[in-house]
PDBML (XML) file of the C-alpha atoms, coordinates in Angstrom:
<?xml version="1.0" encoding="UTF-8" ?>
<PDBx:datablock datablockName="MODEL"
   xmlns:PDBx="http://pdbml.pdb.org/schema/pdbx-v50.xsd"
   xmlns:xsi="http://www.w3.org/2001/XMLSchema-instance"
   xsi:schemaLocation="http://pdbml.pdb.org/schema/pdbx-v50.xsd pdbx-v50.xsd">
   <PDBx:atom_siteCategory>
      <PDBx:atom_site id="1">
         <PDBx:B_iso_or_equiv>0.00</PDBx:B_iso_or_equiv>
         <PDBx:Cartn_x>0.452</PDBx:Cartn_x>
         <PDBx:Cartn_y>1.359</PDBx:Cartn_y>
         <PDBx:Cartn_z>-9.951</PDBx:Cartn_z>
         <PDBx:auth_asym_id>A</PDBx:auth_asym_id>
         <PDBx:auth_atom_id>CA</PDBx:auth_atom_id>
         <PDBx:auth_comp_id>TYR</PDBx:auth_comp_id>
         <PDBx:auth_seq_id>1</PDBx:auth_seq_id>
         <PDBx:group_PDB>ATOM</PDBx:group_PDB>
         <PDBx:label_alt_id xsi:nil="true" />
         <PDBx:label_asym_id>A</PDBx:label_asym_id>
         <PDBx:label_atom_id>CA</PDBx:label_atom_id>
         <PDBx:label_comp_id>TYR</PDBx:label_comp_id>
         <PDBx:label_entity_id>1</PDBx:label_entity_id>
         <PDBx:label_seq_id>1</PDBx:label_seq_id>
         <PDBx:occupancy>1.00</PDBx:occupancy>
         <PDBx:pdbx_PDB_model_num>1</PDBx:pdbx_PDB_model_num>
         <PDBx:type_symbol>C</PDBx:type_symbol>
      </PDBx:atom_site>
      <PDBx:atom_site id="2">
         <PDBx:B_iso_or_equiv>0.00</PDBx:B_iso_or_equiv>
         <PDBx:Cartn_x>-2.350</PDBx:Cartn_x>
         <PDBx:Cartn_y>2.474</PDBx:Cartn_y>
         <PDBx:Cartn_z>-12.480</PDBx:Cartn_z>
         <PDBx:auth_asym_id>A</PDBx:auth_asym_id>
         <PDBx:auth_atom_id>CA</PDBx:auth_atom_id>
         <PDBx:auth_comp_id>ARG</PDBx:auth_comp_id>
         <PDBx:auth_seq_id>2</PDBx:auth_seq_id>
         <PDBx:group_PDB>ATOM</PDBx:group_PDB>
         <PDBx:label_alt_id xsi:nil="true" />
         <PDBx:label_asym_id>A</PDBx:label_asym_id>
         <PDBx:label_atom_id>CA</PDBx:label_atom_id>
         <PDBx:label_comp_id>ARG</PDBx:label_comp_id>
         <PDBx:label_entity_id>1</PDBx:label_entity_id>
         <PDBx:label_seq_id>2</PDBx:label_seq_id>
         <PDBx:occupancy>1.00</PDBx:occupancy>
         <PDBx:pdbx_PDB_model_num>1</PDBx:pdbx_PDB_model_num>
         <PDBx:type_symbol>C</PDBx:type_symbol>
      </PDBx:atom_site>
      <PDBx:atom_site id="3">
         <PDBx:B_iso_or_equiv>0.00</PDBx:B_iso_or_equiv>
         <PDBx:Cartn_x>-4.103</PDBx:Cartn_x>
         <PDBx:Cartn_y>4.487</PDBx:Cartn_y>
         <PDBx:Cartn_z>-9.844</PDBx:Cartn_z>
         <PDBx:auth_asym_id>A</PDBx:auth_asym_id>
         <PDBx:auth_atom_id>CA</PDBx:auth_atom_id>
         <PDBx:auth_comp_id>GLU</PDBx:auth_comp_id>
         <PDBx:auth_seq_id>3</PDBx:auth_seq_id>
         <PDBx:group_PDB>ATOM</PDBx:group_PDB>
         <PDBx:label_alt_id xsi:nil="true" />
         <PDBx:label_asym_id>A</PDBx:label_asym_id>
         <PDBx:label_atom_id>CA</PDBx:label_atom_id>
         <PDBx:label_comp_id>GLU</PDBx:label_comp_id>
         <PDBx:label_entity_id>1</PDBx:label_entity_id>
         <PDBx:label_seq_id>3</PDBx:label_seq_id>
         <PDBx:occupancy>1.00</PDBx:occupancy>
         <PDBx:pdbx_PDB_model_num>1</PDBx:pdbx_PDB_model_num>
         <PDBx:type_symbol>C</PDBx:type_symbol>
      </PDBx:atom_site>
      <PDBx:atom_site id="4">
         <PDBx:B_iso_or_equiv>0.00</PDBx:B_iso_or_equiv>
         <PDBx:Cartn_x>-7.272</PDBx:Cartn_x>
         <PDBx:Cartn_y>2.753</PDBx:Cartn_y>
         <PDBx:Cartn_z>-10.725</PDBx:Cartn_z>
         <PDBx:auth_asym_id>A</PDBx:auth_asym_id>
         <PDBx:auth_atom_id>CA</PDBx:auth_atom_id>
         <PDBx:auth_comp_id>THR</PDBx:auth_comp_id>
         <PDBx:auth_seq_id>4</PDBx:auth_seq_id>
         <PDBx:group_PDB>ATOM</PDBx:group_PDB>
         <PDBx:label_alt_id xsi:nil="true" />
         <PDBx:label_asym_id>A</PDBx:label_asym_id>
         <PDBx:label_atom_id>CA</PDBx:label_atom_id>
         <PDBx:label_comp_id>THR</PDBx:label_comp_id>
         <PDBx:label_entity_id>1</PDBx:label_entity_id>
         <PDBx:label_seq_id>4</PDBx:label_seq_id>
         <PDBx:occupancy>1.00</PDBx:occupancy>
         <PDBx:pdbx_PDB_model_num>1</PDBx:pdbx_PDB_model_num>
         <PDBx:type_symbol>C</PDBx:type_symbol>
      </PDBx:atom_site>
      <PDBx:atom_site id="5">
         <PDBx:B_iso_or_equiv>0.00</PDBx:B_iso_or_equiv>
         <PDBx:Cartn_x>-7.825</PDBx:Cartn_x>
         <PDBx:Cartn_y>0.744</PDBx:Cartn_y>
         <PDBx:Cartn_z>-7.445</PDBx:Cartn_z>
         <PDBx:auth_asym_id>A</PDBx:auth_asym_id>
         <PDBx:auth_atom_id>CA</PDBx:auth_atom_id>
         <PDBx:auth_comp_id>ALA</PDBx:auth_comp_id>
         <PDBx:auth_seq_id>5</PDBx:auth_seq_id>
         <PDBx:group_PDB>ATOM</PDBx:group_PDB>
         <PDBx:label_alt_id xsi:nil="true" />
         <PDBx:label_asym_id>A</PDBx:label_asym_id>
         <PDBx:label_atom_id>CA</PDBx:label_atom_id>
         <PDBx:label_comp_id>ALA</PDBx:label_comp_id>
         <PDBx:label_entity_id>1</PDBx:label_entity_id>
         <PDBx:label_seq_id>5</PDBx:label_seq_id>
         <PDBx:occupancy>1.00</PDBx:occupancy>
         <PDBx:pdbx_PDB_model_num>1</PDBx:pdbx_PDB_model_num>
         <PDBx:type_symbol>C</PDBx:type_symbol>
      </PDBx:atom_site>
      <PDBx:atom_site id="6">
         <PDBx:B_iso_or_equiv>0.00</PDBx:B_iso_or_equiv>
         <PDBx:Cartn_x>-11.176</PDBx:Cartn_x>
         <PDBx:Cartn_y>1.430</PDBx:Cartn_y>
         <PDBx:Cartn_z>-5.685</PDBx:Cartn_z>
         <PDBx:auth_asym_id>A</PDBx:auth_asym_id>
         <PDBx:auth_atom_id>CA</PDBx:auth_atom_id>
         <PDBx:auth_comp_id>VAL</PDBx:auth_comp_id>
         <PDBx:auth_seq_id>6</PDBx:auth_seq_id>
         <PDBx:group_PDB>ATOM</PDBx:group_PDB>
         <PDBx:label_alt_id xsi:nil="true" />
         <PDBx:label_asym_id>A</PDBx:label_asym_id>
         <PDBx:label_atom_id>CA</PDBx:label_atom_id>
         <PDBx:label_comp_id>VAL</PDBx:label_comp_id>
         <PDBx:label_entity_id>1</PDBx:label_entity_id>
         <PDBx:label_seq_id>6</PDBx:label_seq_id>
         <PDBx:occupancy>1.00</PDBx:occupancy>
         <PDBx:pdbx_PDB_model_num>1</PDBx:pdbx_PDB_model_num>
         <PDBx:type_symbol>C</PDBx:type_symbol>
      </PDBx:atom_site>
      <PDBx:atom_site id="7">
         <PDBx:B_iso_or_equiv>0.00</PDBx:B_iso_or_equiv>
         <PDBx:Cartn_x>-10.121</PDBx:Cartn_x>
         <PDBx:Cartn_y>0.070</PDBx:Cartn_y>
         <PDBx:Cartn_z>-2.385</PDBx:Cartn_z>
         <PDBx:auth_asym_id>A</PDBx:auth_asym_id>
         <PDBx:auth_atom_id>CA</PDBx:auth_atom_id>
         <PDBx:auth_comp_id>ARG</PDBx:auth_comp_id>
         <PDBx:auth_seq_id>7</PDBx:auth_seq_id>
         <PDBx:group_PDB>ATOM</PDBx:group_PDB>
         <PDBx:label_alt_id xsi:nil="true" />
         <PDBx:label_asym_id>A</PDBx:label_asym_id>
         <PDBx:label_atom_id>CA</PDBx:label_atom_id>
         <PDBx:label_comp_id>ARG</PDBx:label_comp_id>
         <PDBx:label_entity_id>1</PDBx:label_entity_id>
         <PDBx:label_seq_id>7</PDBx:label_seq_id>
         <PDBx:occupancy>1.00</PDBx:occupancy>
         <PDBx:pdbx_PDB_model_num>1</PDBx:pdbx_PDB_model_num>
         <PDBx:type_symbol>C</PDBx:type_symbol>
      </PDBx:atom_site>
      <PDBx:atom_site id="8">
         <PDBx:B_iso_or_equiv>0.00</PDBx:B_iso_or_equiv>
         <PDBx:Cartn_x>-7.058</PDBx:Cartn_x>
         <PDBx:Cartn_y>-0.901</PDBx:Cartn_y>
         <PDBx:Cartn_z>-0.473</PDBx:Cartn_z>
         <PDBx:auth_asym_id>A</PDBx:auth_asym_id>
         <PDBx:auth_atom_id>CA</PDBx:auth_atom_id>
         <PDBx:auth_comp_id>VAL</PDBx:auth_comp_id>
         <PDBx:auth_seq_id>8</PDBx:auth_seq_id>
         <PDBx:group_PDB>ATOM</PDBx:group_PDB>
         <PDBx:label_alt_id xsi:nil="true" />
         <PDBx:label_asym_id>A</PDBx:label_asym_id>
         <PDBx:label_atom_id>CA</PDBx:label_atom_id>
         <PDBx:label_comp_id>VAL</PDBx:label_comp_id>
         <PDBx:label_entity_id>1</PDBx:label_entity_id>
         <PDBx:label_seq_id>8</PDBx:label_seq_id>
         <PDBx:occupancy>1.00</PDBx:occupancy>
         <PDBx:pdbx_PDB_model_num>1</PDBx:pdbx_PDB_model_num>
         <PDBx:type_symbol>C</PDBx:type_symbol>
      </PDBx:atom_site>
      <PDBx:atom_site id="9">
         <PDBx:B_iso_or_equiv>0.00</PDBx:B_iso_or_equiv>
         <PDBx:Cartn_x>-6.740</PDBx:Cartn_x>
         <PDBx:Cartn_y>-3.234</PDBx:Cartn_y>
         <PDBx:Cartn_z>2.247</PDBx:Cartn_z>
         <PDBx:auth_asym_id>A</PDBx:auth_asym_id>
         <PDBx:auth_atom_id>CA</PDBx:auth_atom_id>
         <PDBx:auth_comp_id>ASP</PDBx:auth_comp_id>
         <PDBx:auth_seq_id>9</PDBx:auth_seq_id>
         <PDBx:group_PDB>ATOM</PDBx:group_PDB>
         <PDBx:label_alt_id xsi:nil="true" />
         <PDBx:label_asym_id>A</PDBx:label_asym_id>
         <PDBx:label_atom_id>CA</PDBx:label_atom_id>
         <PDBx:label_comp_id>ASP</PDBx:label_comp_id>
         <PDBx:label_entity_id>1</PDBx:label_entity_id>
         <PDBx:label_seq_id>9</PDBx:label_seq_id>
         <PDBx:occupancy>1.00</PDBx:occupancy>
         <PDBx:pdbx_PDB_model_num>1</PDBx:pdbx_PDB_model_num>
         <PDBx:type_symbol>C</PDBx:type_symbol>
      </PDBx:atom_site>
      <PDBx:atom_site id="10">
         <PDBx:B_iso_or_equiv>0.00</PDBx:B_iso_or_equiv>
         <PDBx:Cartn_x>-4.900</PDBx:Cartn_x>
         <PDBx:Cartn_y>-2.827</PDBx:Cartn_y>
         <PDBx:Cartn_z>5.343</PDBx:Cartn_z>
         <PDBx:auth_asym_id>A</PDBx:auth_asym_id>
         <PDBx:auth_atom_id>CA</PDBx:auth_atom_id>
         <PDBx:auth_comp_id>MET</PDBx:auth_comp_id>
         <PDBx:auth_seq_id>10</PDBx:auth_seq_id>
         <PDBx:group_PDB>ATOM</PDBx:group_PDB>
         <PDBx:label_alt_id xsi:nil="true" />
         <PDBx:label_asym_id>A</PDBx:label_asym_id>
         <PDBx:label_atom_id>CA</PDBx:label_atom_id>
         <PDBx:label_comp_id>MET</PDBx:label_comp_id>
         <PDBx:label_entity_id>1</PDBx:label_entity_id>
         <PDBx:label_seq_id>10</PDBx:label_seq_id>
         <PDBx:occupancy>1.00</PDBx:occupancy>
         <PDBx:pdbx_PDB_model_num>1</PDBx:pdbx_PDB_model_num>
         <PDBx:type_symbol>C</PDBx:type_symbol>
      </PDBx:atom_site>
      <PDBx:atom_site id="11">
         <PDBx:B_iso_or_equiv>0.00</PDBx:B_iso_or_equiv>
         <PDBx:Cartn_x>-2.774</PDBx:Cartn_x>
         <PDBx:Cartn_y>-5.942</PDBx:Cartn_y>
         <PDBx:Cartn_z>4.515</PDBx:Cartn_z>
         <PDBx:auth_asym_id>A</PDBx:auth_asym_id>
         <PDBx:auth_atom_id>CA</PDBx:auth_atom_id>
         <PDBx:auth_comp_id>ASP</PDBx:auth_comp_id>
         <PDBx:auth_seq_id>11</PDBx:auth_seq_id>
         <PDBx:group_PDB>ATOM</PDBx:group_PDB>
         <PDBx:label_alt_id xsi:nil="true" />
         <PDBx:label_asym_id>A</PDBx:label_asym_id>
         <PDBx:label_atom_id>CA</PDBx:label_atom_id>
         <PDBx:label_comp_id>ASP</PDBx:label_comp_id>
         <PDBx:label_entity_id>1</PDBx:label_entity_id>
         <PDBx:label_seq_id>11</PDBx:label_seq_id>
         <PDBx:occupancy>1.00</PDBx:occupancy>
         <PDBx:pdbx_PDB_model_num>1</PDBx:pdbx_PDB_model_num>
         <PDBx:type_symbol>C</PDBx:type_symbol>
      </PDBx:atom_site>
      <PDBx:atom_site id="12">
         <PDBx:B_iso_or_equiv>0.00</PDBx:B_iso_or_equiv>
         <PDBx:Cartn_x>-1.881</PDBx:Cartn_x>
         <PDBx:Cartn_y>-4.626</PDBx:Cartn_y>
         <PDBx:Cartn_z>1.407</PDBx:Cartn_z>
         <PDBx:auth_asym_id>A</PDBx:auth_asym_id>
         <PDBx:auth_atom_id>CA</PDBx:auth_atom_id>
         <PDBx:auth_comp_id>THR</PDBx:auth_comp_id>
         <PDBx:auth_seq_id>12</PDBx:auth_seq_id>
         <PDBx:group_PDB>ATOM</PDBx:group_PDB>
         <PDBx:label_alt_id xsi:nil="true" />
         <PDBx:label_asym_id>A</PDBx:label_asym_id>
         <PDBx:label_atom_id>CA</PDBx:label_atom_id>
         <PDBx:label_comp_id>THR</PDBx:label_comp_id>
         <PDBx:label_entity_id>1</PDBx:label_entity_id>
         <PDBx:label_seq_id>12</PDBx:label_seq_id>
         <PDBx:occupancy>1.00</PDBx:occupancy>
         <PDBx:pdbx_PDB_model_num>1</PDBx:pdbx_PDB_model_num>
         <PDBx:type_symbol>C</PDBx:type_symbol>
      </PDBx:atom_site>
      <PDBx:atom_site id="13">
         <PDBx:B_iso_or_equiv>0.00</PDBx:B_iso_or_equiv>
         <PDBx:Cartn_x>-0.855</PDBx:Cartn_x>
         <PDBx:Cartn_y>-1.059</PDBx:Cartn_y>
         <PDBx:Cartn_z>2.979</PDBx:Cartn_z>
         <PDBx:auth_asym_id>A</PDBx:auth_asym_id>
         <PDBx:auth_atom_id>CA</PDBx:auth_atom_id>
         <PDBx:auth_comp_id>MET</PDBx:auth_comp_id>
         <PDBx:auth_seq_id>13</PDBx:auth_seq_id>
         <PDBx:group_PDB>ATOM</PDBx:group_PDB>
         <PDBx:label_alt_id xsi:nil="true" />
         <PDBx:label_asym_id>A</PDBx:label_asym_id>
         <PDBx:label_atom_id>CA</PDBx:label_atom_id>
         <PDBx:label_comp_id>MET</PDBx:label_comp_id>
         <PDBx:label_entity_id>1</PDBx:label_entity_id>
         <PDBx:label_seq_id>13</PDBx:label_seq_id>
         <PDBx:occupancy>1.00</PDBx:occupancy>
         <PDBx:pdbx_PDB_model_num>1</PDBx:pdbx_PDB_model_num>
         <PDBx:type_symbol>C</PDBx:type_symbol>
      </PDBx:atom_site>
      <PDBx:atom_site id="14">
         <PDBx:B_iso_or_equiv>0.00</PDBx:B_iso_or_equiv>
         <PDBx:Cartn_x>1.206</PDBx:Cartn_x>
         <PDBx:Cartn_y>-3.187</PDBx:Cartn_y>
         <PDBx:Cartn_z>5.592</PDBx:Cartn_z>
         <PDBx:auth_asym_id>A</PDBx:auth_asym_id>
         <PDBx:auth_atom_id>CA</PDBx:auth_atom_id>
         <PDBx:auth_comp_id>ASP</PDBx:auth_comp_id>
         <PDBx:auth_seq_id>14</PDBx:auth_seq_id>
         <PDBx:group_PDB>ATOM</PDBx:group_PDB>
         <PDBx:label_alt_id xsi:nil="true" />
         <PDBx:label_asym_id>A</PDBx:label_asym_id>
         <PDBx:label_atom_id>CA</PDBx:label_atom_id>
         <PDBx:label_comp_id>ASP</PDBx:label_comp_id>
         <PDBx:label_entity_id>1</PDBx:label_entity_id>
         <PDBx:label_seq_id>14</PDBx:label_seq_id>
         <PDBx:occupancy>1.00</PDBx:occupancy>
         <PDBx:pdbx_PDB_model_num>1</PDBx:pdbx_PDB_model_num>
         <PDBx:type_symbol>C</PDBx:type_symbol>
      </PDBx:atom_site>
      <PDBx:atom_site id="15">
         <PDBx:B_iso_or_equiv>0.00</PDBx:B_iso_or_equiv>
         <PDBx:Cartn_x>3.129</PDBx:Cartn_x>
         <PDBx:Cartn_y>-5.138</PDBx:Cartn_y>
         <PDBx:Cartn_z>2.921</PDBx:Cartn_z>
         <PDBx:auth_asym_id>A</PDBx:auth_asym_id>
         <PDBx:auth_atom_id>CA</PDBx:auth_atom_id>
         <PDBx:auth_comp_id>ARG</PDBx:auth_comp_id>
         <PDBx:auth_seq_id>15</PDBx:auth_seq_id>
         <PDBx:group_PDB>ATOM</PDBx:group_PDB>
         <PDBx:label_alt_id xsi:nil="true" />
         <PDBx:label_asym_id>A</PDBx:label_asym_id>
         <PDBx:label_atom_id>CA</PDBx:label_atom_id>
         <PDBx:label_comp_id>ARG</PDBx:label_comp_id>
         <PDBx:label_entity_id>1</PDBx:label_entity_id>
         <PDBx:label_seq_id>15</PDBx:label_seq_id>
         <PDBx:occupancy>1.00</PDBx:occupancy>
         <PDBx:pdbx_PDB_model_num>1</PDBx:pdbx_PDB_model_num>
         <PDBx:type_symbol>C</PDBx:type_symbol>
      </PDBx:atom_site>
      <PDBx:atom_site id="16">
         <PDBx:B_iso_or_equiv>0.00</PDBx:B_iso_or_equiv>
         <PDBx:Cartn_x>3.974</PDBx:Cartn_x>
         <PDBx:Cartn_y>-2.108</PDBx:Cartn_y>
         <PDBx:Cartn_z>0.680</PDBx:Cartn_z>
         <PDBx:auth_asym_id>A</PDBx:auth_asym_id>
         <PDBx:auth_atom_id>CA</PDBx:auth_atom_id>
         <PDBx:auth_comp_id>LEU</PDBx:auth_comp_id>
         <PDBx:auth_seq_id>16</PDBx:auth_seq_id>
         <PDBx:group_PDB>ATOM</PDBx:group_PDB>
         <PDBx:label_alt_id xsi:nil="true" />
         <PDBx:label_asym_id>A</PDBx:label_asym_id>
         <PDBx:label_atom_id>CA</PDBx:label_atom_id>
         <PDBx:label_comp_id>LEU</PDBx:label_comp_id>
         <PDBx:label_entity_id>1</PDBx:label_entity_id>
         <PDBx:label_seq_id>16</PDBx:label_seq_id>
         <PDBx:occupancy>1.00</PDBx:occupancy>
         <PDBx:pdbx_PDB_model_num>1</PDBx:pdbx_PDB_model_num>
         <PDBx:type_symbol>C</PDBx:type_symbol>
      </PDBx:atom_site>
      <PDBx:atom_site id="17">
         <PDBx:B_iso_or_equiv>0.00</PDBx:B_iso_or_equiv>
         <PDBx:Cartn_x>5.094</PDBx:Cartn_x>
         <PDBx:Cartn_y>-0.279</PDBx:Cartn_y>
         <PDBx:Cartn_z>3.748</PDBx:Cartn_z>
         <PDBx:auth_asym_id>A</PDBx:auth_asym_id>
         <PDBx:auth_atom_id>CA</PDBx:auth_atom_id>
         <PDBx:auth_comp_id>CYS</PDBx:auth_comp_id>
         <PDBx:auth_seq_id>17</PDBx:auth_seq_id>
         <PDBx:group_PDB>ATOM</PDBx:group_PDB>
         <PDBx:label_alt_id xsi:nil="true" />
         <PDBx:label_asym_id>A</PDBx:label_asym_id>
         <PDBx:label_atom_id>CA</PDBx:label_atom_id>
         <PDBx:label_comp_id>CYS</PDBx:label_comp_id>
         <PDBx:label_entity_id>1</PDBx:label_entity_id>
         <PDBx:label_seq_id>17</PDBx:label_seq_id>
         <PDBx:occupancy>1.00</PDBx:occupancy>
         <PDBx:pdbx_PDB_model_num>1</PDBx:pdbx_PDB_model_num>
         <PDBx:type_symbol>C</PDBx:type_symbol>
      </PDBx:atom_site>
      <PDBx:atom_site id="18">
         <PDBx:B_iso_or_equiv>0.00</PDBx:B_iso_or_equiv>
         <PDBx:Cartn_x>7.553</PDBx:Cartn_x>
         <PDBx:Cartn_y>-3.076</PDBx:Cartn_y>
         <PDBx:Cartn_z>4.723</PDBx:Cartn_z>
         <PDBx:auth_asym_id>A</PDBx:auth_asym_id>
         <PDBx:auth_atom_id>CA</PDBx:auth_atom_id>
         <PDBx:auth_comp_id>LYS</PDBx:auth_comp_id>
         <PDBx:auth_seq_id>18</PDBx:auth_seq_id>
         <PDBx:group_PDB>ATOM</PDBx:group_PDB>
         <PDBx:label_alt_id xsi:nil="true" />
         <PDBx:label_asym_id>A</PDBx:label_asym_id>
         <PDBx:label_atom_id>CA</PDBx:label_atom_id>
         <PDBx:label_comp_id>LYS</PDBx:label_comp_id>
         <PDBx:label_entity_id>1</PDBx:label_entity_id>
         <PDBx:label_seq_id>18</PDBx:label_seq_id>
         <PDBx:occupancy>1.00</PDBx:occupancy>
         <PDBx:pdbx_PDB_model_num>1</PDBx:pdbx_PDB_model_num>
         <PDBx:type_symbol>C</PDBx:type_symbol>
      </PDBx:atom_site>
      <PDBx:atom_site id="19">
         <PDBx:B_iso_or_equiv>0.00</PDBx:B_iso_or_equiv>
         <PDBx:Cartn_x>8.527</PDBx:Cartn_x>
         <PDBx:Cartn_y>-3.679</PDBx:Cartn_y>
         <PDBx:Cartn_z>1.143</PDBx:Cartn_z>
         <PDBx:auth_asym_id>A</PDBx:auth_asym_id>
         <PDBx:auth_atom_id>CA</PDBx:auth_atom_id>
         <PDBx:auth_comp_id>LEU</PDBx:auth_comp_id>
         <PDBx:auth_seq_id>19</PDBx:auth_seq_id>
         <PDBx:group_PDB>ATOM</PDBx:group_PDB>
         <PDBx:label_alt_id xsi:nil="true" />
         <PDBx:label_asym_id>A</PDBx:label_asym_id>
         <PDBx:label_atom_id>CA</PDBx:label_atom_id>
         <PDBx:label_comp_id>LEU</PDBx:label_comp_id>
         <PDBx:label_entity_id>1</PDBx:label_entity_id>
         <PDBx:label_seq_id>19</PDBx:label_seq_id>
         <PDBx:occupancy>1.00</PDBx:occupancy>
         <PDBx:pdbx_PDB_model_num>1</PDBx:pdbx_PDB_model_num>
         <PDBx:type_symbol>C</PDBx:type_symbol>
      </PDBx:atom_site>
      <PDBx:atom_site id="20">
         <PDBx:B_iso_or_equiv>0.00</PDBx:B_iso_or_equiv>
         <PDBx:Cartn_x>9.750</PDBx:Cartn_x>
         <PDBx:Cartn_y>-0.209</PDBx:Cartn_y>
         <PDBx:Cartn_z>0.802</PDBx:Cartn_z>
         <PDBx:auth_asym_id>A</PDBx:auth_asym_id>
         <PDBx:auth_atom_id>CA</PDBx:auth_atom_id>
         <PDBx:auth_comp_id>PHE</PDBx:auth_comp_id>
         <PDBx:auth_seq_id>20</PDBx:auth_seq_id>
         <PDBx:group_PDB>ATOM</PDBx:group_PDB>
         <PDBx:label_alt_id xsi:nil="true" />
         <PDBx:label_asym_id>A</PDBx:label_asym_id>
         <PDBx:label_atom_id>CA</PDBx:label_atom_id>
         <PDBx:label_comp_id>PHE</PDBx:label_comp_id>
         <PDBx:label_entity_id>1</PDBx:label_entity_id>
         <PDBx:label_seq_id>20</PDBx:label_seq_id>
         <PDBx:occupancy>1.00</PDBx:occupancy>
         <PDBx:pdbx_PDB_model_num>1</PDBx:pdbx_PDB_model_num>
         <PDBx:type_symbol>C</PDBx:type_symbol>
      </PDBx:atom_site>
      <PDBx:atom_site id="21">
         <PDBx:B_iso_or_equiv>0.00</PDBx:B_iso_or_equiv>
         <PDBx:Cartn_x>10.604</PDBx:Cartn_x>
         <PDBx:Cartn_y>0.737</PDBx:Cartn_y>
         <PDBx:Cartn_z>4.293</PDBx:Cartn_z>
         <PDBx:auth_asym_id>A</PDBx:auth_asym_id>
         <PDBx:auth_atom_id>CA</PDBx:auth_atom_id>
         <PDBx:auth_comp_id>LYS</PDBx:auth_comp_id>
         <PDBx:auth_seq_id>21</PDBx:auth_seq_id>
         <PDBx:group_PDB>ATOM</PDBx:group_PDB>
         <PDBx:label_alt_id xsi:nil="true" />
         <PDBx:label_asym_id>A</PDBx:label_asym_id>
         <PDBx:label_atom_id>CA</PDBx:label_atom_id>
         <PDBx:label_comp_id>LYS</PDBx:label_comp_id>
         <PDBx:label_entity_id>1</PDBx:label_entity_id>
         <PDBx:label_seq_id>21</PDBx:label_seq_id>
         <PDBx:occupancy>1.00</PDBx:occupancy>
         <PDBx:pdbx_PDB_model_num>1</PDBx:pdbx_PDB_model_num>
         <PDBx:type_symbol>C</PDBx:type_symbol>
      </PDBx:atom_site>
      <PDBx:atom_site id="22">
         <PDBx:B_iso_or_equiv>0.00</PDBx:B_iso_or_equiv>
         <PDBx:Cartn_x>8.332</PDBx:Cartn_x>
         <PDBx:Cartn_y>3.826</PDBx:Cartn_y>
         <PDBx:Cartn_z>4.383</PDBx:Cartn_z>
         <PDBx:auth_asym_id>A</PDBx:auth_asym_id>
         <PDBx:auth_atom_id>CA</PDBx:auth_atom_id>
         <PDBx:auth_comp_id>CYS</PDBx:auth_comp_id>
         <PDBx:auth_seq_id>22</PDBx:auth_seq_id>
         <PDBx:group_PDB>ATOM</PDBx:group_PDB>
         <PDBx:label_alt_id xsi:nil="true" />
         <PDBx:label_asym_id>A</PDBx:label_asym_id>
         <PDBx:label_atom_id>CA</PDBx:label_atom_id>
         <PDBx:label_comp_id>CYS</PDBx:label_comp_id>
         <PDBx:label_entity_id>1</PDBx:label_entity_id>
         <PDBx:label_seq_id>22</PDBx:label_seq_id>
         <PDBx:occupancy>1.00</PDBx:occupancy>
         <PDBx:pdbx_PDB_model_num>1</PDBx:pdbx_PDB_model_num>
         <PDBx:type_symbol>C</PDBx:type_symbol>
      </PDBx:atom_site>
      <PDBx:atom_site id="23">
         <PDBx:B_iso_or_equiv>0.00</PDBx:B_iso_or_equiv>
         <PDBx:Cartn_x>5.163</PDBx:Cartn_x>
         <PDBx:Cartn_y>4.942</PDBx:Cartn_y>
         <PDBx:Cartn_z>6.100</PDBx:Cartn_z>
         <PDBx:auth_asym_id>A</PDBx:auth_asym_id>
         <PDBx:auth_atom_id>CA</PDBx:auth_atom_id>
         <PDBx:auth_comp_id>GLY</PDBx:auth_comp_id>
         <PDBx:auth_seq_id>23</PDBx:auth_seq_id>
         <PDBx:group_PDB>ATOM</PDBx:group_PDB>
         <PDBx:label_alt_id xsi:nil="true" />
         <PDBx:label_asym_id>A</PDBx:label_asym_id>
         <PDBx:label_atom_id>CA</PDBx:label_atom_id>
         <PDBx:label_comp_id>GLY</PDBx:label_comp_id>
         <PDBx:label_entity_id>1</PDBx:label_entity_id>
         <PDBx:label_seq_id>23</PDBx:label_seq_id>
         <PDBx:occupancy>1.00</PDBx:occupancy>
         <PDBx:pdbx_PDB_model_num>1</PDBx:pdbx_PDB_model_num>
         <PDBx:type_symbol>C</PDBx:type_symbol>
      </PDBx:atom_site>
      <PDBx:atom_site id="24">
         <PDBx:B_iso_or_equiv>0.00</PDBx:B_iso_or_equiv>
         <PDBx:Cartn_x>1.389</PDBx:Cartn_x>
         <PDBx:Cartn_y>4.883</PDBx:Cartn_y>
         <PDBx:Cartn_z>4.575</PDBx:Cartn_z>
         <PDBx:auth_asym_id>A</PDBx:auth_asym_id>
         <PDBx:auth_atom_id>CA</PDBx:auth_atom_id>
         <PDBx:auth_comp_id>VAL</PDBx:auth_comp_id>
         <PDBx:auth_seq_id>24</PDBx:auth_seq_id>
         <PDBx:group_PDB>ATOM</PDBx:group_PDB>
         <PDBx:label_alt_id xsi:nil="true" />
         <PDBx:label_asym_id>A</PDBx:label_asym_id>
         <PDBx:label_atom_id>CA</PDBx:label_atom_id>
         <PDBx:label_comp_id>VAL</PDBx:label_comp_id>
         <PDBx:label_entity_id>1</PDBx:label_entity_id>
         <PDBx:label_seq_id>24</PDBx:label_seq_id>
         <PDBx:occupancy>1.00</PDBx:occupancy>
         <PDBx:pdbx_PDB_model_num>1</PDBx:pdbx_PDB_model_num>
         <PDBx:type_symbol>C</PDBx:type_symbol>
      </PDBx:atom_site>
      <PDBx:atom_site id="25">
         <PDBx:B_iso_or_equiv>0.00</PDBx:B_iso_or_equiv>
         <PDBx:Cartn_x>1.882</PDBx:Cartn_x>
         <PDBx:Cartn_y>8.562</PDBx:Cartn_y>
         <PDBx:Cartn_z>3.535</PDBx:Cartn_z>
         <PDBx:auth_asym_id>A</PDBx:auth_asym_id>
         <PDBx:auth_atom_id>CA</PDBx:auth_atom_id>
         <PDBx:auth_comp_id>GLY</PDBx:auth_comp_id>
         <PDBx:auth_seq_id>25</PDBx:auth_seq_id>
         <PDBx:group_PDB>ATOM</PDBx:group_PDB>
         <PDBx:label_alt_id xsi:nil="true" />
         <PDBx:label_asym_id>A</PDBx:label_asym_id>
         <PDBx:label_atom_id>CA</PDBx:label_atom_id>
         <PDBx:label_comp_id>GLY</PDBx:label_comp_id>
         <PDBx:label_entity_id>1</PDBx:label_entity_id>
         <PDBx:label_seq_id>25</PDBx:label_seq_id>
         <PDBx:occupancy>1.00</PDBx:occupancy>
         <PDBx:pdbx_PDB_model_num>1</PDBx:pdbx_PDB_model_num>
         <PDBx:type_symbol>C</PDBx:type_symbol>
      </PDBx:atom_site>
   </PDBx:atom_siteCategory>
</PDBx:datablock>
């Protein structure tokens, strides 16, 4: 949210995409 993450796990991206019903892009 604060754009301070240094890396993002694939599982995290998967969960966010499912929650917001969107793509990684």
